[in-house]
Amino acid sequence: MNKIITEPLQKFNGPLVRVCCGENTPPEGSYQVNFNRLEIIIEGQHDLVVDSSQGFENLSLTENQMIYIPSNAWSKPTWEKSSRMISILFSKNQVGFSYVHYKEGEGFVDVIKQALPLPSSMAVEHVLAALNCIAEEKKCTVMGEHLAKSLILYCLALLQNPQQEKVSRGEKLYRSMCIYVQENFHKDITRISVANRFGVSSAHVSRLFNQEGSVKYADYVTYVRLDRAKFMLKKYNFKVEEIARRCGFKDTNYFCRVFKQKTGKTPSEYRLNA
């Protein structure tokens, strides 16, 4: 796994095509998470819709190009052309690597994930903050490209010399599952689908969340979905029904009931007081 990620990053020397912004309302099916993301195209063509100062913009990224998407900005891949890419997600305490191989006419051939803890150094946080400032300026600069490439160099050092962390194999797996839930909260992610994704039993998924997170799997999924719903209620003028759907709730009444149970307010009341 490490080699699949490391070798392409070592060879990469391409341009930063875009630093995305997140001003406009995301379209249905867009990918929006509270992580900063750097996506690197290894091979093929990756078509996507992004937010720009002029509104929605269609981009076609090809081999040896990259794009930076700040936390809570969005992108909408079309997944039509064959491509291989590496997506790097930066959370507060760890970096998540996803190797994605998509084949036209066949779908996803490989989606491999790895998470590594971040050292206590604040260097990465400052680089990300600088890139996010460039996103607010609505343009891609030479400085942005250098900052993005510095993130790649940092990730390479992390992959080649990972931080020694005294955590169990179970905790590492639990963390990876949490990232997976946070990336896919809008989908129908059941214990069985997560178990299949990580090659374990559904009972093992339950044990990991109970032991490592002291929470039931279903409760964690609900927490992630409600957290995203709060963000959408504050930022967008979506109807409650649409927010429920975009956050993975199939039933609007159930969403409203759970929202009030957890927050003490209905979604509409929460929006008025936000």
Protein backbone atom coordinates (compact mmCIF):
# COMPACT_ATOMS: atom_id res chain seq x y z
CA MET A 1 0.00 0.00 0.00
CA ASN A 2 2.71 2.48 0.99
CA LYS A 3 4.46 1.92 -2.36
CA ILE A 4 1.26 2.55 -4.36
CA ILE A 5 1.07 6.03 -2.81
CA THR A 6 4.76 6.86 -2.43
CA GLU A 7 6.08 6.13 -5.93
CA PRO A 8 3.65 8.39 -7.83
CA LEU A 9 4.20 11.22 -5.32
CA GLN A 10 7.98 10.94 -5.77
CA LYS A 11 7.60 11.33 -9.54
CA PHE A 12 5.02 14.11 -9.43
CA ASN A 13 6.15 17.56 -10.55
CA GLY A 14 3.04 18.99 -12.20
CA PRO A 15 1.14 22.24 -11.82
CA LEU A 16 -1.59 23.22 -9.39
CA VAL A 17 -4.54 23.84 -11.71
CA ARG A 18 -6.95 25.35 -9.23
CA VAL A 19 -7.43 26.39 -5.61
CA CYS A 20 -11.19 26.00 -5.17
CA CYS A 21 -13.50 28.29 -3.25
CA GLY A 22 -16.78 27.43 -1.56
CA GLU A 23 -19.05 30.43 -2.08
CA ASN A 24 -21.74 29.01 -4.36
CA THR A 25 -24.34 26.43 -3.36
CA PRO A 26 -23.09 22.90 -4.13
CA PRO A 27 -25.03 20.92 -6.75
CA GLU A 28 -26.62 17.57 -5.98
CA GLY A 29 -24.02 14.81 -5.79
CA SER A 30 -21.11 17.12 -4.96
CA TYR A 31 -18.33 16.00 -2.64
CA GLN A 32 -18.01 18.28 0.40
CA VAL A 33 -16.24 17.36 3.63
CA ASN A 34 -14.68 19.27 6.52
CA PHE A 35 -11.15 18.26 5.50
CA ASN A 36 -8.67 20.16 3.36
CA ARG A 37 -7.97 18.04 0.26
CA LEU A 38 -5.20 17.81 -2.32
CA GLU A 39 -6.08 15.66 -5.35
CA ILE A 40 -3.35 14.51 -7.72
CA ILE A 41 -3.96 12.89 -11.12
CA ILE A 42 -1.55 10.05 -11.84
CA GLU A 43 -3.00 8.85 -15.13
CA GLY A 44 -5.97 9.44 -17.44
CA GLN A 45 -8.54 12.24 -17.26
CA HIS A 46 -10.50 13.40 -14.22
CA ASP A 47 -13.49 15.61 -15.10
CA LEU A 48 -15.22 17.59 -12.37
CA VAL A 49 -17.33 20.64 -11.61
CA VAL A 50 -15.89 23.15 -9.14
CA ASP A 51 -16.88 26.43 -7.53
CA SER A 52 -15.31 29.60 -8.92
CA SER A 53 -15.85 33.33 -8.66
CA GLN A 54 -17.87 33.13 -11.91
CA GLY A 55 -20.07 30.28 -10.64
CA PHE A 56 -19.83 26.62 -11.60
CA GLU A 57 -16.86 25.69 -13.77
CA ASN A 58 -16.08 22.45 -15.63
CA LEU A 59 -12.49 21.25 -15.31
CA SER A 60 -10.64 18.40 -16.99
CA LEU A 61 -7.54 17.40 -15.05
CA THR A 62 -5.03 15.17 -16.80
CA GLU A 63 -1.89 13.29 -15.84
CA ASN A 64 0.55 15.21 -13.63
CA GLN A 65 -1.93 17.90 -12.54
CA MET A 66 -3.43 18.64 -9.12
CA ILE A 67 -6.21 20.62 -7.47
CA TYR A 68 -6.58 21.91 -3.89
CA ILE A 69 -10.03 21.96 -2.24
CA PRO A 70 -10.28 23.73 1.15
CA SER A 71 -12.33 22.38 4.01
CA ASN A 72 -16.07 22.66 3.28
CA ALA A 73 -15.49 23.76 -0.31
CA TRP A 74 -16.88 21.29 -2.83
CA SER A 75 -16.19 19.46 -6.07
CA LYS A 76 -18.37 17.19 -8.19
CA PRO A 77 -16.51 14.48 -10.14
CA THR A 78 -18.35 13.07 -13.15
CA TRP A 79 -16.51 9.71 -13.09
CA GLU A 80 -16.82 9.14 -16.83
CA LYS A 81 -13.23 8.81 -18.05
CA SER A 82 -10.63 6.28 -16.91
CA SER A 83 -8.22 7.72 -14.36
CA ARG A 84 -5.92 6.96 -11.46
CA MET A 85 -5.52 9.53 -8.72
CA ILE A 86 -4.35 10.10 -5.18
CA SER A 87 -6.51 12.12 -2.81
CA ILE A 88 -4.83 13.42 0.36
CA LEU A 89 -7.08 14.55 3.21
CA PHE A 90 -5.72 16.64 6.05
CA SER A 91 -7.56 16.38 9.37
CA LYS A 92 -6.46 17.82 12.68
CA ASN A 93 -4.54 14.80 13.92
CA GLN A 94 -3.87 12.68 10.84
CA VAL A 95 -3.44 12.56 7.09
CA GLY A 96 -5.60 10.22 5.03
CA PHE A 97 -4.41 8.86 1.67
CA SER A 98 -6.83 7.43 -0.89
CA TYR A 99 -5.65 5.72 -4.07
CA VAL A 100 -8.53 5.69 -6.57
CA HIS A 101 -8.51 3.74 -9.84
CA TYR A 102 -11.58 4.26 -12.05
CA LYS A 103 -12.11 2.45 -15.36
CA GLU A 104 -14.53 3.77 -17.93
CA GLY A 105 -17.38 1.30 -18.35
CA GLU A 106 -16.34 -0.76 -15.31
CA GLY A 107 -16.44 1.65 -12.39
CA PHE A 108 -14.03 1.71 -9.46
CA VAL A 109 -11.39 -1.00 -9.74
CA ASP A 110 -9.44 -0.06 -6.63
CA VAL A 111 -10.11 2.34 -3.77
CA ILE A 112 -7.37 1.91 -1.18
CA LYS A 113 -7.05 4.00 1.97
CA GLN A 114 -4.35 4.62 4.54
CA ALA A 115 -4.24 7.02 7.49
CA LEU A 116 -1.12 8.25 9.28
CA PRO A 117 -0.89 10.38 12.44
CA LEU A 118 0.42 13.92 12.13
CA PRO A 119 3.39 14.93 14.29
CA SER A 120 2.96 17.67 16.85
CA SER A 121 4.65 20.18 14.51
CA MET A 122 2.34 22.97 13.34
CA ALA A 123 4.05 23.30 9.91
CA VAL A 124 1.28 21.59 7.94
CA GLU A 125 -1.41 23.66 9.60
CA HIS A 126 0.32 26.89 8.52
CA VAL A 127 0.74 25.69 4.92
CA LEU A 128 -2.95 24.73 4.76
CA ALA A 129 -3.96 28.10 6.22
CA ALA A 130 -1.92 29.88 3.54
CA LEU A 131 -3.56 27.82 0.78
CA ASN A 132 -7.00 28.57 2.20
CA CYS A 133 -6.19 32.29 2.10
CA ILE A 134 -5.32 31.95 -1.59
CA ALA A 135 -8.71 30.30 -2.13
CA GLU A 136 -10.35 33.41 -0.68
CA GLU A 137 -8.41 35.53 -3.18
CA LYS A 138 -10.11 33.48 -5.96
CA LYS A 139 -6.99 32.82 -7.99
CA CYS A 140 -4.26 30.25 -8.35
CA THR A 141 -0.81 31.75 -7.82
CA VAL A 142 2.79 30.60 -8.08
CA MET A 143 2.84 30.72 -4.29
CA GLY A 144 -0.13 28.33 -4.22
CA GLU A 145 1.73 25.86 -6.39
CA HIS A 146 4.80 25.97 -4.17
CA LEU A 147 2.64 25.51 -1.07
CA ALA A 148 0.86 22.50 -2.60
CA LYS A 149 4.18 20.91 -3.58
CA SER A 150 5.47 21.47 -0.05
CA LEU A 151 2.49 19.46 1.20
CA ILE A 152 3.47 16.61 -1.14
CA LEU A 153 7.05 16.68 0.16
CA TYR A 154 5.76 16.66 3.72
CA CYS A 155 3.50 13.70 2.97
CA LEU A 156 6.38 11.82 1.36
CA ALA A 157 8.47 12.32 4.49
CA LEU A 158 5.54 11.10 6.57
CA LEU A 159 5.08 7.98 4.42
CA GLN A 160 8.78 7.16 4.44
CA ASN A 161 9.26 7.87 8.15
CA PRO A 162 5.87 7.49 9.83
CA GLN A 163 5.48 8.77 13.37
CA GLN A 164 5.83 6.08 15.98
CA GLU A 165 2.50 5.98 17.69
CA LYS A 166 1.60 3.64 20.50
CA VAL A 167 -1.83 2.67 19.27
CA SER A 168 -3.29 -0.74 18.65
CA ARG A 169 -4.16 -2.14 15.24
CA GLY A 170 -7.80 -1.90 16.27
CA GLU A 171 -7.54 1.84 16.97
CA LYS A 172 -5.89 2.46 13.59
CA LEU A 173 -8.69 0.56 11.86
CA TYR A 174 -11.29 2.47 13.88
CA ARG A 175 -9.75 5.81 12.80
CA SER A 176 -9.80 4.76 9.16
CA MET A 177 -13.45 3.78 9.48
CA CYS A 178 -14.26 7.16 11.02
CA ILE A 179 -12.67 8.95 8.08
CA TYR A 180 -14.59 6.70 5.70
CA VAL A 181 -17.87 7.60 7.41
CA GLN A 182 -17.02 11.30 7.31
CA GLU A 183 -16.34 11.04 3.57
CA ASN A 184 -19.44 8.99 2.75
CA PHE A 185 -22.07 10.17 5.27
CA HIS A 186 -24.48 11.07 2.42
CA LYS A 187 -24.55 7.46 1.18
CA ASP A 188 -26.28 4.38 2.56
CA ILE A 189 -23.35 3.30 4.75
CA THR A 190 -24.42 0.37 6.88
CA ARG A 191 -22.31 -1.74 9.22
CA ILE A 192 -22.28 -4.41 6.51
CA SER A 193 -21.08 -2.06 3.77
CA VAL A 194 -18.32 -0.68 6.03
CA ALA A 195 -17.36 -4.22 7.05
CA ASN A 196 -17.10 -5.24 3.39
CA ARG A 197 -15.06 -2.13 2.59
CA PHE A 198 -12.47 -2.95 5.27
CA GLY A 199 -12.57 -6.74 4.96
CA VAL A 200 -13.93 -7.49 8.44
CA SER A 201 -17.22 -8.75 9.87
CA SER A 202 -20.08 -6.41 10.77
CA ALA A 203 -19.78 -7.63 14.36
CA HIS A 204 -16.15 -6.48 14.36
CA VAL A 205 -17.24 -3.03 13.19
CA SER A 206 -19.58 -2.81 16.18
CA ARG A 207 -16.85 -3.97 18.57
CA LEU A 208 -14.38 -1.40 17.26
CA PHE A 209 -16.77 1.52 17.71
CA ASN A 210 -17.81 0.33 21.16
CA GLN A 211 -14.25 -0.33 22.36
CA GLU A 212 -12.23 2.40 20.65
CA GLY A 213 -14.85 5.13 20.38
CA SER A 214 -17.18 4.20 23.25
CA VAL A 215 -20.08 4.76 20.87
CA LYS A 216 -22.33 2.61 18.74
CA TYR A 217 -21.63 2.63 15.01
CA ALA A 218 -25.12 3.93 14.20
CA ASP A 219 -24.75 6.74 16.75
CA TYR A 220 -21.46 7.85 15.19
CA VAL A 221 -23.00 7.94 11.70
CA THR A 222 -25.91 10.00 13.08
CA TYR A 223 -23.45 12.40 14.78
CA VAL A 224 -21.54 12.97 11.51
CA ARG A 225 -24.75 13.49 9.53
CA LEU A 226 -26.23 15.93 12.04
CA ASP A 227 -22.97 17.88 12.17
CA ARG A 228 -23.12 18.28 8.39
CA ALA A 229 -26.83 19.21 8.60
CA LYS A 230 -25.99 22.02 11.05
CA PHE A 231 -23.41 23.35 8.61
CA MET A 232 -25.87 23.27 5.70
CA LEU A 233 -28.63 24.95 7.74
CA LYS A 234 -26.26 27.82 8.55
CA LYS A 235 -24.72 28.23 5.09
CA TYR A 236 -27.36 27.35 2.49
CA ASN A 237 -31.03 28.02 1.84
CA PHE A 238 -31.85 24.38 1.12
CA LYS A 239 -35.25 23.16 2.17
CA VAL A 240 -35.18 20.87 5.21
CA GLU A 241 -36.17 17.93 2.99
CA GLU A 242 -33.16 18.50 0.76
CA ILE A 243 -30.76 18.83 3.68
CA ALA A 244 -32.08 15.56 5.10
CA ARG A 245 -31.48 13.83 1.77
CA ARG A 246 -28.02 15.31 1.24
CA CYS A 247 -27.00 14.21 4.73
CA GLY A 248 -28.03 10.60 4.20
CA PHE A 249 -31.45 10.60 5.90
CA LYS A 250 -34.05 8.82 3.80
CA ASP A 251 -36.98 10.07 5.87
CA THR A 252 -37.38 13.81 6.57
CA ASN A 253 -39.64 13.26 9.59
CA TYR A 254 -37.06 10.95 11.14
CA PHE A 255 -34.34 13.53 10.45
CA CYS A 256 -36.36 16.28 12.17
CA ARG A 257 -37.13 14.04 15.12
CA VAL A 258 -33.49 13.03 15.64
CA PHE A 259 -32.28 16.61 15.09
CA LYS A 260 -34.55 17.96 17.83
CA GLN A 261 -33.69 15.08 20.14
CA LYS A 262 -29.95 15.80 19.82
CA THR A 263 -29.99 19.62 19.65
CA GLY A 264 -33.18 20.61 21.48
CA LYS A 265 -34.35 22.54 18.40
CA THR A 266 -36.08 21.74 15.14
CA PRO A 267 -33.97 22.31 11.99
CA SER A 268 -35.97 25.47 11.24
CA GLU A 269 -35.44 26.83 14.76
CA TYR A 270 -31.72 26.03 14.54
CA ARG A 271 -31.46 27.94 11.25
CA LEU A 272 -33.22 31.01 12.70
CA ASN A 273 -30.85 31.12 15.68
CA ALA A 274 -27.67 30.29 13.75
